[in-house]
Amino acid sequence: MKEIMVYGTVILCFFCYGLWPFIASALLVFISDDPTLDIISLVIWSIAVTIQIIAMWQIFKRNSKGLHLFFSVVFLYVFLYAGDSLIVSLESNAVFSFSNIINKAIYPLFAAWALYFSDAKDFFIKPTES
């Protein structure tokens, strides 16, 4: 059961907070008139996805350091989204809303809590042979 929880949480976080921004950036490169900023975004997300795949490989080998790396990249998405929201609100003289950022951060926070502080953390304890 622990394996299903760890695999499911990691794969869902990967699709929502790594692969989806990468796909969105790739699509924006093709449909944008001036793809300079979109190419920078695509480079950032291709590096992030590569790091997440390496971290997932470490997680599936039951190495907890992969989990630290994985959630660091997941929260990179949240911080970049927060910065983008702040810039948009400053440019449009609108009130900055924390609710969108909290909505983006709530699932990774719960996922990290579930993997670090529940019984799922026992997944990373390698069995010893007696």
Protein backbone atom coordinates (compact mmCIF):
# COMPACT_ATOMS: atom_id res chain seq x y z
CA MET A 1 0.00 0.00 0.00
CA LYS A 2 2.89 2.35 0.76
CA GLU A 3 4.28 1.78 -2.71
CA ILE A 4 1.00 2.75 -4.34
CA MET A 5 0.80 5.92 -2.25
CA VAL A 6 4.37 6.95 -3.04
CA TYR A 7 4.19 6.10 -6.75
CA GLY A 8 0.77 7.70 -7.20
CA THR A 9 1.70 10.90 -5.38
CA VAL A 10 5.02 11.31 -7.17
CA ILE A 11 3.58 10.62 -10.62
CA LEU A 12 0.62 12.97 -10.06
CA CYS A 13 2.93 15.74 -8.84
CA PHE A 14 5.18 15.14 -11.85
CA PHE A 15 2.33 15.52 -14.33
CA CYS A 16 0.76 18.55 -12.65
CA TYR A 17 3.87 20.46 -11.58
CA GLY A 18 6.52 19.41 -14.09
CA LEU A 19 5.18 17.96 -17.29
CA TRP A 20 2.17 20.30 -17.65
CA PRO A 21 4.24 23.55 -17.51
CA PHE A 22 6.69 21.98 -19.96
CA ILE A 23 3.89 21.11 -22.42
CA ALA A 24 2.32 24.56 -22.00
CA SER A 25 5.68 26.23 -22.70
CA ALA A 26 6.23 24.06 -25.77
CA LEU A 27 2.79 24.97 -27.12
CA LEU A 28 3.41 28.67 -26.47
CA VAL A 29 6.63 28.52 -28.50
CA PHE A 30 4.64 27.35 -31.53
CA ILE A 31 1.71 29.77 -31.26
CA SER A 32 3.50 32.91 -30.07
CA ASP A 33 4.47 35.77 -32.36
CA ASP A 34 7.61 36.52 -30.34
CA PRO A 35 8.72 33.22 -28.82
CA THR A 36 11.82 34.61 -27.03
CA LEU A 37 10.33 34.52 -23.53
CA ASP A 38 8.59 31.24 -24.29
CA ILE A 39 11.87 29.63 -25.35
CA ILE A 40 13.42 30.69 -22.03
CA SER A 41 10.46 29.17 -20.23
CA LEU A 42 10.81 25.99 -22.30
CA VAL A 43 14.49 25.71 -21.36
CA ILE A 44 13.69 26.19 -17.66
CA TRP A 45 10.97 23.55 -17.74
CA SER A 46 12.99 21.08 -19.78
CA ILE A 47 15.72 21.27 -17.13
CA ALA A 48 13.10 20.95 -14.38
CA VAL A 49 11.49 17.91 -16.02
CA THR A 50 14.89 16.28 -16.47
CA ILE A 51 15.72 16.83 -12.80
CA GLN A 52 12.31 15.48 -11.79
CA ILE A 53 12.81 12.33 -13.86
CA ILE A 54 16.19 11.76 -12.21
CA ALA A 55 14.61 12.39 -8.80
CA MET A 56 11.76 9.98 -9.60
CA TRP A 57 14.31 7.35 -10.54
CA GLN A 58 15.97 7.86 -7.15
CA ILE A 59 12.58 7.69 -5.39
CA PHE A 60 11.69 4.44 -7.12
CA LYS A 61 15.05 3.05 -5.97
CA ARG A 62 13.92 3.96 -2.41
CA ASN A 63 16.43 6.78 -1.99
CA SER A 64 14.94 9.58 0.11
CA LYS A 65 17.34 12.18 -1.36
CA GLY A 66 15.36 11.89 -4.58
CA LEU A 67 12.26 12.97 -2.67
CA HIS A 68 14.00 16.14 -1.45
CA LEU A 69 15.12 16.98 -4.97
CA PHE A 70 11.72 16.18 -6.42
CA PHE A 71 9.79 18.49 -4.10
CA SER A 72 12.37 21.24 -4.56
CA VAL A 73 11.56 21.27 -8.26
CA VAL A 74 7.81 21.05 -7.57
CA PHE A 75 7.98 24.13 -5.38
CA LEU A 76 10.02 25.88 -8.06
CA TYR A 77 6.83 25.84 -10.12
CA VAL A 78 4.87 27.36 -7.23
CA PHE A 79 7.47 30.11 -6.73
CA LEU A 80 7.65 30.91 -10.46
CA TYR A 81 3.85 31.05 -10.59
CA ALA A 82 3.84 33.40 -7.58
CA GLY A 83 6.42 35.65 -9.23
CA ASP A 84 4.47 35.70 -12.47
CA SER A 85 1.25 36.55 -10.61
CA LEU A 86 3.02 39.35 -8.76
CA ILE A 87 4.43 40.84 -11.97
CA VAL A 88 1.04 40.68 -13.69
CA SER A 89 -0.68 42.37 -10.75
CA LEU A 90 1.97 45.13 -10.62
CA GLU A 91 1.78 45.76 -14.37
CA SER A 92 -2.01 45.96 -14.36
CA ASN A 93 -2.25 47.91 -11.07
CA ALA A 94 -4.50 45.19 -9.69
CA VAL A 95 -4.63 43.86 -6.17
CA PHE A 96 -2.28 40.94 -5.64
CA SER A 97 -4.24 37.86 -4.59
CA PHE A 98 -2.65 35.14 -2.51
CA SER A 99 -5.54 32.74 -3.13
CA ASN A 100 -4.23 31.60 -6.53
CA ILE A 101 -0.80 30.92 -5.09
CA ILE A 102 -2.26 29.04 -2.14
CA ASN A 103 -4.35 26.96 -4.56
CA LYS A 104 -1.19 26.06 -6.50
CA ALA A 105 0.76 25.22 -3.33
CA ILE A 106 -1.84 23.25 -1.37
CA TYR A 107 -1.49 19.90 -3.18
CA PRO A 108 2.33 19.78 -3.09
CA LEU A 109 2.25 20.73 0.59
CA PHE A 110 -0.16 17.91 1.38
CA ALA A 111 1.79 15.51 -0.84
CA ALA A 112 5.06 16.38 0.88
CA TRP A 113 3.41 16.02 4.26
CA ALA A 114 2.00 12.63 3.29
CA LEU A 115 5.34 11.33 2.05
CA TYR A 116 7.50 12.77 4.83
CA PHE A 117 5.33 12.38 7.92
CA SER A 118 2.96 9.46 7.33
CA ASP A 119 3.63 5.74 7.14
CA ALA A 120 4.77 6.28 3.54
CA LYS A 121 8.14 7.40 4.87
CA ASP A 122 8.76 3.73 5.72
CA PHE A 123 8.89 3.11 1.96
CA PHE A 124 12.39 4.62 1.96
CA ILE A 125 13.70 2.31 4.68
CA LYS A 126 15.53 -0.39 2.81
CA PRO A 127 14.89 -3.87 4.19
CA THR A 128 17.89 -5.59 5.68
CA GLU A 129 18.65 -9.21 5.12
CA SER A 130 18.90 -11.35 8.25
